[in-house]
PDB file of all heavy atoms in Angstrom:
ATOM      1  N   MET A   1       0.844  -1.147  -0.046  1.00  0.00           N
ATOM      2  CA  MET A   1       0.060  -0.027   0.040  1.00  0.00           C
ATOM      3  C   MET A   1       0.851   1.205   0.000  1.00  0.00           C
ATOM      4  O   MET A   1       0.449   2.288  -0.561  1.00  0.00           O
ATOM      5  CB  MET A   1      -0.961  -0.014   1.262  1.00  0.00           C
ATOM      6  CG  MET A   1      -1.970  -1.144   1.203  1.00  0.00           C
ATOM      7  SD  MET A   1      -3.153  -0.928  -0.191  1.00  0.00           S
ATOM      8  CE  MET A   1      -3.931   0.580   0.223  1.00  0.00           C
ATOM      9  N   LYS A   2       2.090   1.238   0.514  1.00  0.00           N
ATOM     10  CA  LYS A   2       3.007   2.375   0.534  1.00  0.00           C
ATOM     11  C   LYS A   2       3.375   2.783  -0.793  1.00  0.00           C
ATOM     12  O   LYS A   2       3.729   3.873  -1.028  1.00  0.00           O
ATOM     13  CB  LYS A   2       4.138   2.026   1.474  1.00  0.00           C
ATOM     14  CG  LYS A   2       3.832   1.879   2.903  1.00  0.00           C
ATOM     15  CD  LYS A   2       5.163   1.572   3.723  1.00  0.00           C
ATOM     16  CE  LYS A   2       4.845   1.545   5.228  1.00  0.00           C
ATOM     17  NZ  LYS A   2       6.094   1.309   6.004  1.00  0.00           N
ATOM     18  N   LYS A   3       3.377   1.764  -1.713  1.00  0.00           N
ATOM     19  CA  LYS A   3       3.802   2.016  -3.128  1.00  0.00           C
ATOM     20  C   LYS A   3       2.617   2.525  -3.920  1.00  0.00           C
ATOM     21  O   LYS A   3       2.803   2.984  -5.039  1.00  0.00           O
ATOM     22  CB  LYS A   3       4.227   0.723  -3.857  1.00  0.00           C
ATOM     23  CG  LYS A   3       5.504   0.094  -3.120  1.00  0.00           C
ATOM     24  CD  LYS A   3       5.953  -1.158  -3.896  1.00  0.00           C
ATOM     25  CE  LYS A   3       7.112  -1.730  -3.311  1.00  0.00           C
ATOM     26  NZ  LYS A   3       7.622  -3.038  -3.959  1.00  0.00           N
ATOM     27  N   GLY A   4       1.420   2.724  -3.354  1.00  0.00           N
ATOM     28  CA  GLY A   4       0.267   3.187  -3.904  1.00  0.00           C
ATOM     29  C   GLY A   4      -0.613   2.129  -4.769  1.00  0.00           C
ATOM     30  O   GLY A   4      -0.149   0.969  -4.736  1.00  0.00           O
ATOM     31  N   ILE A   5      -1.652   2.511  -5.288  1.00  0.00           N
ATOM     32  CA  ILE A   5      -2.583   1.584  -6.096  1.00  0.00           C
ATOM     33  C   ILE A   5      -2.849   2.141  -7.454  1.00  0.00           C
ATOM     34  O   ILE A   5      -2.650   3.401  -7.613  1.00  0.00           O
ATOM     35  CB  ILE A   5      -3.881   1.348  -5.188  1.00  0.00           C
ATOM     36  CG1 ILE A   5      -4.571   2.721  -5.109  1.00  0.00           C
ATOM     37  CG2 ILE A   5      -3.605   0.754  -3.965  1.00  0.00           C
ATOM     38  CD1 ILE A   5      -5.967   2.607  -4.416  1.00  0.00           C
ATOM     39  N   TYR A   6      -3.267   1.308  -8.354  1.00  0.00           N
ATOM     40  CA  TYR A   6      -3.663   1.702  -9.662  1.00  0.00           C
ATOM     41  C   TYR A   6      -5.095   2.287  -9.589  1.00  0.00           C
ATOM     42  O   TYR A   6      -6.066   1.724  -9.109  1.00  0.00           O
ATOM     43  CB  TYR A   6      -3.582   0.452 -10.592  1.00  0.00           C
ATOM     44  CG  TYR A   6      -2.257  -0.053 -10.746  1.00  0.00           C
ATOM     45  CD1 TYR A   6      -2.013  -1.349 -10.089  1.00  0.00           C
ATOM     46  CD2 TYR A   6      -1.263   0.478 -11.520  1.00  0.00           C
ATOM     47  CE1 TYR A   6      -0.709  -1.957 -10.315  1.00  0.00           C
ATOM     48  CE2 TYR A   6      -0.011  -0.141 -11.592  1.00  0.00           C
ATOM     49  CZ  TYR A   6       0.268  -1.314 -11.002  1.00  0.00           C
ATOM     50  OH  TYR A   6       1.525  -1.823 -11.225  1.00  0.00           O
ATOM     51  N   ILE A   7      -5.110   3.619 -10.078  1.00  0.00           N
ATOM     52  CA  ILE A   7      -6.318   4.330  -9.904  1.00  0.00           C
ATOM     53  C   ILE A   7      -7.417   3.843 -10.914  1.00  0.00           C
ATOM     54  O   ILE A   7      -8.537   3.612 -10.478  1.00  0.00           O
ATOM     55  CB  ILE A   7      -6.146   5.776 -10.153  1.00  0.00           C
ATOM     56  CG1 ILE A   7      -5.070   6.375  -9.057  1.00  0.00           C
ATOM     57  CG2 ILE A   7      -7.391   6.648 -10.098  1.00  0.00           C
ATOM     58  CD1 ILE A   7      -5.619   6.241  -7.671  1.00  0.00           C
ATOM     59  N   LEU A   8      -7.151   3.746 -12.272  1.00  0.00           N
ATOM     60  CA  LEU A   8      -8.227   3.536 -13.171  1.00  0.00           C
ATOM     61  C   LEU A   8      -9.024   2.325 -13.043  1.00  0.00           C
ATOM     62  O   LEU A   8     -10.283   2.393 -12.931  1.00  0.00           O
ATOM     63  CB  LEU A   8      -7.506   3.524 -14.694  1.00  0.00           C
ATOM     64  CG  LEU A   8      -8.541   3.409 -15.773  1.00  0.00           C
ATOM     65  CD1 LEU A   8      -9.569   4.495 -15.737  1.00  0.00           C
ATOM     66  CD2 LEU A   8      -7.835   3.421 -17.143  1.00  0.00           C
ATOM     67  N   PRO A   9      -8.370   1.026 -12.928  1.00  0.00           N
ATOM     68  CA  PRO A   9      -9.201  -0.159 -12.723  1.00  0.00           C
ATOM     69  C   PRO A   9      -9.929  -0.125 -11.432  1.00  0.00           C
ATOM     70  O   PRO A   9     -11.050  -0.648 -11.320  1.00  0.00           O
ATOM     71  CB  PRO A   9      -8.150  -1.292 -12.842  1.00  0.00           C
ATOM     72  CG  PRO A   9      -6.852  -0.611 -12.496  1.00  0.00           C
ATOM     73  CD  PRO A   9      -6.870   0.830 -13.024  1.00  0.00           C
ATOM     74  N   ASN A  10      -9.380   0.490 -10.456  1.00  0.00           N
ATOM     75  CA  ASN A  10     -10.050   0.406  -9.115  1.00  0.00           C
ATOM     76  C   ASN A  10     -11.251   1.385  -9.096  1.00  0.00           C
ATOM     77  O   ASN A  10     -12.250   1.237  -8.460  1.00  0.00           O
ATOM     78  CB  ASN A  10      -9.019   0.795  -8.036  1.00  0.00           C
ATOM     79  CG  ASN A  10      -8.181  -0.440  -7.739  1.00  0.00           C
ATOM     80  OD1 ASN A  10      -8.569  -1.441  -7.333  1.00  0.00           O
ATOM     81  ND2 ASN A  10      -6.869  -0.181  -7.794  1.00  0.00           N
ATOM     82  N   LEU A  11     -11.061   2.519  -9.879  1.00  0.00           N
ATOM     83  CA  LEU A  11     -12.304   3.361 -10.046  1.00  0.00           C
ATOM     84  C   LEU A  11     -13.443   2.773 -10.692  1.00  0.00           C
ATOM     85  O   LEU A  11     -14.591   2.881 -10.368  1.00  0.00           O
ATOM     86  CB  LEU A  11     -11.809   4.688 -10.802  1.00  0.00           C
ATOM     87  CG  LEU A  11     -11.122   5.752  -9.984  1.00  0.00           C
ATOM     88  CD1 LEU A  11     -10.759   6.975 -10.970  1.00  0.00           C
ATOM     89  CD2 LEU A  11     -12.046   6.283  -8.921  1.00  0.00           C
ATOM     90  N   ILE A  12     -13.128   1.878 -11.741  1.00  0.00           N
ATOM     91  CA  ILE A  12     -14.073   1.182 -12.444  1.00  0.00           C
ATOM     92  C   ILE A  12     -14.799   0.145 -11.536  1.00  0.00           C
ATOM     93  O   ILE A  12     -15.994  -0.101 -11.491  1.00  0.00           O
ATOM     94  CB  ILE A  12     -13.559   0.476 -13.667  1.00  0.00           C
ATOM     95  CG1 ILE A  12     -13.099   1.615 -14.707  1.00  0.00           C
ATOM     96  CG2 ILE A  12     -14.666  -0.359 -14.347  1.00  0.00           C
ATOM     97  CD1 ILE A  12     -12.400   0.992 -15.811  1.00  0.00           C
ATOM     98  N   THR A  13     -13.953  -0.549 -10.754  1.00  0.00           N
ATOM     99  CA  THR A  13     -14.438  -1.449  -9.635  1.00  0.00           C
ATOM    100  C   THR A  13     -15.399  -0.741  -8.663  1.00  0.00           C
ATOM    101  O   THR A  13     -16.426  -1.223  -8.235  1.00  0.00           O
ATOM    102  CB  THR A  13     -13.263  -2.142  -8.917  1.00  0.00           C
ATOM    103  OG1 THR A  13     -12.505  -2.848  -9.840  1.00  0.00           O
ATOM    104  CG2 THR A  13     -13.805  -3.106  -8.019  1.00  0.00           C
ATOM    105  N   MET A  14     -15.036   0.508  -8.270  1.00  0.00           N
ATOM    106  CA  MET A  14     -15.845   1.313  -7.471  1.00  0.00           C
ATOM    107  C   MET A  14     -17.133   1.593  -8.118  1.00  0.00           C
ATOM    108  O   MET A  14     -18.307   1.611  -7.420  1.00  0.00           O
ATOM    109  CB  MET A  14     -15.196   2.567  -6.967  1.00  0.00           C
ATOM    110  CG  MET A  14     -15.842   3.362  -5.938  1.00  0.00           C
ATOM    111  SD  MET A  14     -15.020   4.913  -5.493  1.00  0.00           S
ATOM    112  CE  MET A  14     -13.343   4.274  -5.004  1.00  0.00           C
ATOM    113  N   GLY A  15     -17.164   1.857  -9.419  1.00  0.00           N
ATOM    114  CA  GLY A  15     -18.406   2.086 -10.124  1.00  0.00           C
ATOM    115  C   GLY A  15     -19.221   0.781 -10.118  1.00  0.00           C
ATOM    116  O   GLY A  15     -20.615   0.857 -10.042  1.00  0.00           O
ATOM    117  N   ASN A  16     -18.639  -0.441 -10.180  1.00  0.00           N
ATOM    118  CA  ASN A  16     -19.374  -1.654 -10.001  1.00  0.00           C
ATOM    119  C   ASN A  16     -20.151  -1.645  -8.699  1.00  0.00           C
ATOM    120  O   ASN A  16     -21.328  -1.917  -8.697  1.00  0.00           O
ATOM    121  CB  ASN A  16     -18.389  -2.851 -10.113  1.00  0.00           C
ATOM    122  CG  ASN A  16     -18.886  -4.125  -9.771  1.00  0.00           C
ATOM    123  OD1 ASN A  16     -20.067  -4.280  -9.532  1.00  0.00           O
ATOM    124  ND2 ASN A  16     -18.046  -5.176  -9.674  1.00  0.00           N
ATOM    125  N   MET A  17     -19.415  -1.377  -7.586  1.00  0.00           N
ATOM    126  CA  MET A  17     -20.055  -1.414  -6.315  1.00  0.00           C
ATOM    127  C   MET A  17     -21.132  -0.260  -6.167  1.00  0.00           C
ATOM    128  O   MET A  17     -22.179  -0.524  -5.559  1.00  0.00           O
ATOM    129  CB  MET A  17     -18.992  -1.184  -5.194  1.00  0.00           C
ATOM    130  CG  MET A  17     -19.525  -1.268  -3.764  1.00  0.00           C
ATOM    131  SD  MET A  17     -18.335  -1.032  -2.417  1.00  0.00           S
ATOM    132  CE  MET A  17     -17.450  -2.612  -2.575  1.00  0.00           C
ATOM    133  N   PHE A  18     -20.962   0.847  -6.774  1.00  0.00           N
ATOM    134  CA  PHE A  18     -21.838   1.975  -6.751  1.00  0.00           C
ATOM    135  C   PHE A  18     -23.294   1.544  -7.314  1.00  0.00           C
ATOM    136  O   PHE A  18     -24.239   1.702  -6.749  1.00  0.00           O
ATOM    137  CB  PHE A  18     -21.318   3.229  -7.506  1.00  0.00           C
ATOM    138  CG  PHE A  18     -22.311   4.284  -7.694  1.00  0.00           C
ATOM    139  CD1 PHE A  18     -22.576   5.078  -6.676  1.00  0.00           C
ATOM    140  CD2 PHE A  18     -23.122   4.294  -8.865  1.00  0.00           C
ATOM    141  CE1 PHE A  18     -23.560   6.192  -6.756  1.00  0.00           C
ATOM    142  CE2 PHE A  18     -24.067   5.361  -9.065  1.00  0.00           C
ATOM    143  CZ  PHE A  18     -24.271   6.201  -7.924  1.00  0.00           C
ATOM    144  N   PHE A  19     -23.179   0.906  -8.497  1.00  0.00           N
ATOM    145  CA  PHE A  19     -24.411   0.495  -9.104  1.00  0.00           C
ATOM    146  C   PHE A  19     -25.047  -0.695  -8.476  1.00  0.00           C
ATOM    147  O   PHE A  19     -26.269  -0.804  -8.355  1.00  0.00           O
ATOM    148  CB  PHE A  19     -24.180   0.139 -10.581  1.00  0.00           C
ATOM    149  CG  PHE A  19     -24.092   1.351 -11.537  1.00  0.00           C
ATOM    150  CD1 PHE A  19     -22.807   1.754 -11.935  1.00  0.00           C
ATOM    151  CD2 PHE A  19     -25.191   2.131 -11.771  1.00  0.00           C
ATOM    152  CE1 PHE A  19     -22.629   2.902 -12.741  1.00  0.00           C
ATOM    153  CE2 PHE A  19     -25.026   3.218 -12.583  1.00  0.00           C
ATOM    154  CZ  PHE A  19     -23.827   3.641 -12.996  1.00  0.00           C
ATOM    155  N   GLY A  20     -24.284  -1.564  -7.797  1.00  0.00           N
ATOM    156  CA  GLY A  20     -24.833  -2.578  -6.883  1.00  0.00           C
ATOM    157  C   GLY A  20     -25.524  -1.990  -5.767  1.00  0.00           C
ATOM    158  O   GLY A  20     -26.523  -2.455  -5.385  1.00  0.00           O
ATOM    159  N   PHE A  21     -24.958  -0.959  -5.068  1.00  0.00           N
ATOM    160  CA  PHE A  21     -25.548  -0.346  -3.932  1.00  0.00           C
ATOM    161  C   PHE A  21     -26.869   0.385  -4.358  1.00  0.00           C
ATOM    162  O   PHE A  21     -27.793   0.419  -3.703  1.00  0.00           O
ATOM    163  CB  PHE A  21     -24.545   0.664  -3.422  1.00  0.00           C
ATOM    164  CG  PHE A  21     -25.022   1.323  -2.145  1.00  0.00           C
ATOM    165  CD1 PHE A  21     -25.130   0.675  -0.921  1.00  0.00           C
ATOM    166  CD2 PHE A  21     -25.453   2.720  -2.194  1.00  0.00           C
ATOM    167  CE1 PHE A  21     -25.611   1.362   0.244  1.00  0.00           C
ATOM    168  CE2 PHE A  21     -25.928   3.297  -1.058  1.00  0.00           C
ATOM    169  CZ  PHE A  21     -25.983   2.608   0.093  1.00  0.00           C
ATOM    170  N   TYR A  22     -26.742   0.982  -5.591  1.00  0.00           N
ATOM    171  CA  TYR A  22     -27.951   1.678  -6.106  1.00  0.00           C
ATOM    172  C   TYR A  22     -29.075   0.634  -6.315  1.00  0.00           C
ATOM    173  O   TYR A  22     -30.252   0.973  -6.032  1.00  0.00           O
ATOM    174  CB  TYR A  22     -27.587   2.334  -7.413  1.00  0.00           C
ATOM    175  CG  TYR A  22     -28.787   2.801  -8.160  1.00  0.00           C
ATOM    176  CD1 TYR A  22     -29.435   4.021  -7.911  1.00  0.00           C
ATOM    177  CD2 TYR A  22     -29.323   2.024  -9.268  1.00  0.00           C
ATOM    178  CE1 TYR A  22     -30.588   4.390  -8.551  1.00  0.00           C
ATOM    179  CE2 TYR A  22     -30.516   2.399  -9.928  1.00  0.00           C
ATOM    180  CZ  TYR A  22     -31.075   3.576  -9.640  1.00  0.00           C
ATOM    181  OH  TYR A  22     -32.224   3.988 -10.336  1.00  0.00           O
ATOM    182  N   ALA A  23     -28.705  -0.489  -6.762  1.00  0.00           N
ATOM    183  CA  ALA A  23     -29.750  -1.590  -6.993  1.00  0.00           C
ATOM    184  C   ALA A  23     -30.398  -1.987  -5.657  1.00  0.00           C
ATOM    185  O   ALA A  23     -31.634  -2.129  -5.570  1.00  0.00           O
ATOM    186  CB  ALA A  23     -29.126  -2.838  -7.662  1.00  0.00           C
ATOM    187  N   ILE A  24     -29.641  -2.086  -4.612  1.00  0.00           N
ATOM    188  CA  ILE A  24     -30.204  -2.387  -3.334  1.00  0.00           C
ATOM    189  C   ILE A  24     -31.074  -1.321  -2.846  1.00  0.00           C
ATOM    190  O   ILE A  24     -32.276  -1.580  -2.360  1.00  0.00           O
ATOM    191  CB  ILE A  24     -28.996  -2.650  -2.307  1.00  0.00           C
ATOM    192  CG1 ILE A  24     -28.236  -3.811  -2.713  1.00  0.00           C
ATOM    193  CG2 ILE A  24     -29.561  -2.730  -0.906  1.00  0.00           C
ATOM    194  CD1 ILE A  24     -26.966  -4.133  -1.803  1.00  0.00           C
ATOM    195  N   LEU A  25     -30.775  -0.059  -3.031  1.00  0.00           N
ATOM    196  CA  LEU A  25     -31.649   1.011  -2.614  1.00  0.00           C
ATOM    197  C   LEU A  25     -32.963   0.983  -3.440  1.00  0.00           C
ATOM    198  O   LEU A  25     -33.978   1.201  -2.870  1.00  0.00           O
ATOM    199  CB  LEU A  25     -30.915   2.424  -2.768  1.00  0.00           C
ATOM    200  CG  LEU A  25     -29.725   2.700  -1.897  1.00  0.00           C
ATOM    201  CD1 LEU A  25     -29.196   4.068  -2.172  1.00  0.00           C
ATOM    202  CD2 LEU A  25     -30.120   2.569  -0.382  1.00  0.00           C
ATOM    203  N   ALA A  26     -32.863   0.691  -4.733  1.00  0.00           N
ATOM    204  CA  ALA A  26     -34.037   0.608  -5.556  1.00  0.00           C
ATOM    205  C   ALA A  26     -34.877  -0.604  -5.127  1.00  0.00           C
ATOM    206  O   ALA A  26     -36.160  -0.380  -5.174  1.00  0.00           O
ATOM    207  CB  ALA A  26     -33.559   0.430  -7.039  1.00  0.00           C
ATOM    208  N   VAL A  27     -34.345  -1.644  -4.650  1.00  0.00           N
ATOM    209  CA  VAL A  27     -35.216  -2.699  -4.194  1.00  0.00           C
ATOM    210  C   VAL A  27     -36.002  -2.289  -2.956  1.00  0.00           C
ATOM    211  O   VAL A  27     -37.198  -2.521  -2.755  1.00  0.00           O
ATOM    212  CB  VAL A  27     -34.300  -3.933  -3.804  1.00  0.00           C
ATOM    213  CG1 VAL A  27     -35.141  -4.954  -3.088  1.00  0.00           C
ATOM    214  CG2 VAL A  27     -33.710  -4.554  -5.150  1.00  0.00           C
ATOM    215  N   PHE A  28     -35.304  -1.546  -2.060  1.00  0.00           N
ATOM    216  CA  PHE A  28     -35.916  -1.054  -0.785  1.00  0.00           C
ATOM    217  C   PHE A  28     -37.160  -0.157  -1.202  1.00  0.00           C
ATOM    218  O   PHE A  28     -38.100  -0.080  -0.447  1.00  0.00           O
ATOM    219  CB  PHE A  28     -34.947  -0.254   0.126  1.00  0.00           C
ATOM    220  CG  PHE A  28     -33.990  -1.250   0.785  1.00  0.00           C
ATOM    221  CD1 PHE A  28     -32.744  -0.768   1.206  1.00  0.00           C
ATOM    222  CD2 PHE A  28     -34.295  -2.591   0.986  1.00  0.00           C
ATOM    223  CE1 PHE A  28     -31.886  -1.577   1.865  1.00  0.00           C
ATOM    224  CE2 PHE A  28     -33.403  -3.395   1.621  1.00  0.00           C
ATOM    225  CZ  PHE A  28     -32.182  -2.952   2.047  1.00  0.00           C
ATOM    226  N   ASN A  29     -37.009   0.612  -2.284  1.00  0.00           N
ATOM    227  CA  ASN A  29     -38.041   1.533  -2.718  1.00  0.00           C
ATOM    228  C   ASN A  29     -39.039   0.954  -3.596  1.00  0.00           C
ATOM    229  O   ASN A  29     -39.897   1.659  -4.146  1.00  0.00           O
ATOM    230  CB  ASN A  29     -37.431   2.745  -3.328  1.00  0.00           C
ATOM    231  CG  ASN A  29     -36.623   3.619  -2.342  1.00  0.00           C
ATOM    232  OD1 ASN A  29     -37.042   3.815  -1.191  1.00  0.00           O
ATOM    233  ND2 ASN A  29     -35.455   4.096  -2.840  1.00  0.00           N
ATOM    234  N   GLY A  30     -38.938  -0.410  -3.884  1.00  0.00           N
ATOM    235  CA  GLY A  30     -39.861  -1.058  -4.758  1.00  0.00           C
ATOM    236  C   GLY A  30     -39.757  -0.864  -6.146  1.00  0.00           C
ATOM    237  O   GLY A  30     -40.619  -1.151  -7.030  1.00  0.00           O
ATOM    238  N   ARG A  31     -38.644  -0.277  -6.602  1.00  0.00           N
ATOM    239  CA  ARG A  31     -38.353   0.044  -8.018  1.00  0.00           C
ATOM    240  C   ARG A  31     -37.535  -1.134  -8.582  1.00  0.00           C
ATOM    241  O   ARG A  31     -36.318  -1.035  -8.764  1.00  0.00           O
ATOM    242  CB  ARG A  31     -37.709   1.330  -8.201  1.00  0.00           C
ATOM    243  CG  ARG A  31     -38.558   2.581  -7.646  1.00  0.00           C
ATOM    244  CD  ARG A  31     -37.793   3.879  -7.902  1.00  0.00           C
ATOM    245  NE  ARG A  31     -36.535   3.963  -7.164  1.00  0.00           N
ATOM    246  CZ  ARG A  31     -35.858   5.021  -7.103  1.00  0.00           C
ATOM    247  NH1 ARG A  31     -36.203   6.202  -7.671  1.00  0.00           N
ATOM    248  NH2 ARG A  31     -34.638   4.972  -6.527  1.00  0.00           N
ATOM    249  N   TYR A  32     -38.066  -2.232  -8.908  1.00  0.00           N
ATOM    250  CA  TYR A  32     -37.420  -3.439  -9.226  1.00  0.00           C
ATOM    251  C   TYR A  32     -36.790  -3.339 -10.670  1.00  0.00           C
ATOM    252  O   TYR A  32     -35.671  -3.882 -10.826  1.00  0.00           O
ATOM    253  CB  TYR A  32     -38.468  -4.611  -9.196  1.00  0.00           C
ATOM    254  CG  TYR A  32     -39.111  -4.842  -7.814  1.00  0.00           C
ATOM    255  CD1 TYR A  32     -40.449  -4.946  -7.720  1.00  0.00           C
ATOM    256  CD2 TYR A  32     -38.351  -4.794  -6.745  1.00  0.00           C
ATOM    257  CE1 TYR A  32     -41.080  -4.966  -6.508  1.00  0.00           C
ATOM    258  CE2 TYR A  32     -38.865  -4.937  -5.483  1.00  0.00           C
ATOM    259  CZ  TYR A  32     -40.262  -5.055  -5.342  1.00  0.00           C
ATOM    260  OH  TYR A  32     -40.877  -5.260  -4.138  1.00  0.00           O
ATOM    261  N   GLU A  33     -37.457  -2.756 -11.568  1.00  0.00           N
ATOM    262  CA  GLU A  33     -36.781  -2.610 -12.869  1.00  0.00           C
ATOM    263  C   GLU A  33     -35.483  -1.766 -12.854  1.00  0.00           C
ATOM    264  O   GLU A  33     -34.579  -2.121 -13.442  1.00  0.00           O
ATOM    265  CB  GLU A  33     -37.770  -1.951 -13.899  1.00  0.00           C
ATOM    266  CG  GLU A  33     -37.201  -1.923 -15.276  1.00  0.00           C
ATOM    267  CD  GLU A  33     -38.263  -1.417 -16.340  1.00  0.00           C
ATOM    268  OE1 GLU A  33     -39.145  -0.793 -15.954  1.00  0.00           O
ATOM    269  OE2 GLU A  33     -38.023  -1.649 -17.523  1.00  0.00           O
ATOM    270  N   GLN A  34     -35.535  -0.637 -12.102  1.00  0.00           N
ATOM    271  CA  GLN A  34     -34.334   0.176 -11.897  1.00  0.00           C
ATOM    272  C   GLN A  34     -33.272  -0.619 -11.149  1.00  0.00           C
ATOM    273  O   GLN A  34     -32.044  -0.558 -11.450  1.00  0.00           O
ATOM    274  CB  GLN A  34     -34.600   1.449 -11.050  1.00  0.00           C
ATOM    275  CG  GLN A  34     -35.327   2.505 -11.846  1.00  0.00           C
ATOM    276  CD  GLN A  34     -36.898   2.274 -11.927  1.00  0.00           C
ATOM    277  OE1 GLN A  34     -37.437   1.169 -11.417  1.00  0.00           O
ATOM    278  NE2 GLN A  34     -37.599   3.210 -12.430  1.00  0.00           N
ATOM    279  N   ALA A  35     -33.613  -1.527 -10.185  1.00  0.00           N
ATOM    280  CA  ALA A  35     -32.710  -2.347  -9.539  1.00  0.00           C
ATOM    281  C   ALA A  35     -32.061  -3.283 -10.502  1.00  0.00           C
ATOM    282  O   ALA A  35     -30.801  -3.501 -10.470  1.00  0.00           O
ATOM    283  CB  ALA A  35     -33.297  -3.096  -8.447  1.00  0.00           C
ATOM    284  N   ALA A  36     -32.808  -3.866 -11.364  1.00  0.00           N
ATOM    285  CA  ALA A  36     -32.355  -4.844 -12.324  1.00  0.00           C
ATOM    286  C   ALA A  36     -31.288  -4.156 -13.357  1.00  0.00           C
ATOM    287  O   ALA A  36     -30.220  -4.644 -13.580  1.00  0.00           O
ATOM    288  CB  ALA A  36     -33.450  -5.394 -13.135  1.00  0.00           C
ATOM    289  N   ILE A  37     -31.644  -2.920 -13.654  1.00  0.00           N
ATOM    290  CA  ILE A  37     -30.772  -2.172 -14.636  1.00  0.00           C
ATOM    291  C   ILE A  37     -29.432  -1.785 -13.876  1.00  0.00           C
ATOM    292  O   ILE A  37     -28.366  -1.906 -14.538  1.00  0.00           O
ATOM    293  CB  ILE A  37     -31.475  -0.895 -15.101  1.00  0.00           C
ATOM    294  CG1 ILE A  37     -32.635  -1.254 -16.054  1.00  0.00           C
ATOM    295  CG2 ILE A  37     -30.482   0.033 -15.821  1.00  0.00           C
ATOM    296  CD1 ILE A  37     -33.404  -0.079 -16.394  1.00  0.00           C
ATOM    297  N   GLY A  38     -29.552  -1.503 -12.651  1.00  0.00           N
ATOM    298  CA  GLY A  38     -28.280  -1.246 -11.888  1.00  0.00           C
ATOM    299  C   GLY A  38     -27.379  -2.432 -11.833  1.00  0.00           C
ATOM    300  O   GLY A  38     -26.165  -2.274 -11.929  1.00  0.00           O
ATOM    301  N   ILE A  39     -27.966  -3.606 -11.640  1.00  0.00           N
ATOM    302  CA  ILE A  39     -27.226  -4.932 -11.575  1.00  0.00           C
ATOM    303  C   ILE A  39     -26.543  -5.088 -12.928  1.00  0.00           C
ATOM    304  O   ILE A  39     -25.364  -5.472 -13.053  1.00  0.00           O
ATOM    305  CB  ILE A  39     -28.024  -5.998 -11.127  1.00  0.00           C
ATOM    306  CG1 ILE A  39     -28.527  -5.874  -9.695  1.00  0.00           C
ATOM    307  CG2 ILE A  39     -27.303  -7.408 -11.418  1.00  0.00           C
ATOM    308  CD1 ILE A  39     -29.524  -6.875  -9.254  1.00  0.00           C
ATOM    309  N   LEU A  40     -27.250  -4.782 -14.105  1.00  0.00           N
ATOM    310  CA  LEU A  40     -26.644  -5.056 -15.312  1.00  0.00           C
ATOM    311  C   LEU A  40     -25.544  -4.076 -15.657  1.00  0.00           C
ATOM    312  O   LEU A  40     -24.522  -4.440 -16.187  1.00  0.00           O
ATOM    313  CB  LEU A  40     -27.752  -4.914 -16.423  1.00  0.00           C
ATOM    314  CG  LEU A  40     -28.824  -6.059 -16.389  1.00  0.00           C
ATOM    315  CD1 LEU A  40     -29.900  -5.755 -17.441  1.00  0.00           C
ATOM    316  CD2 LEU A  40     -28.279  -7.403 -16.658  1.00  0.00           C
TER     317      LEU A  40
END
């Protein structure tokens, strides 16, 4: 970790988690189609 991390691929991985988290919030709000789109 002292040498640093690669920014670009990890930012895309963070985007993966963001849309997964968005899908979970959409499920809680009953918006199932938006949740499915977030997973895709």
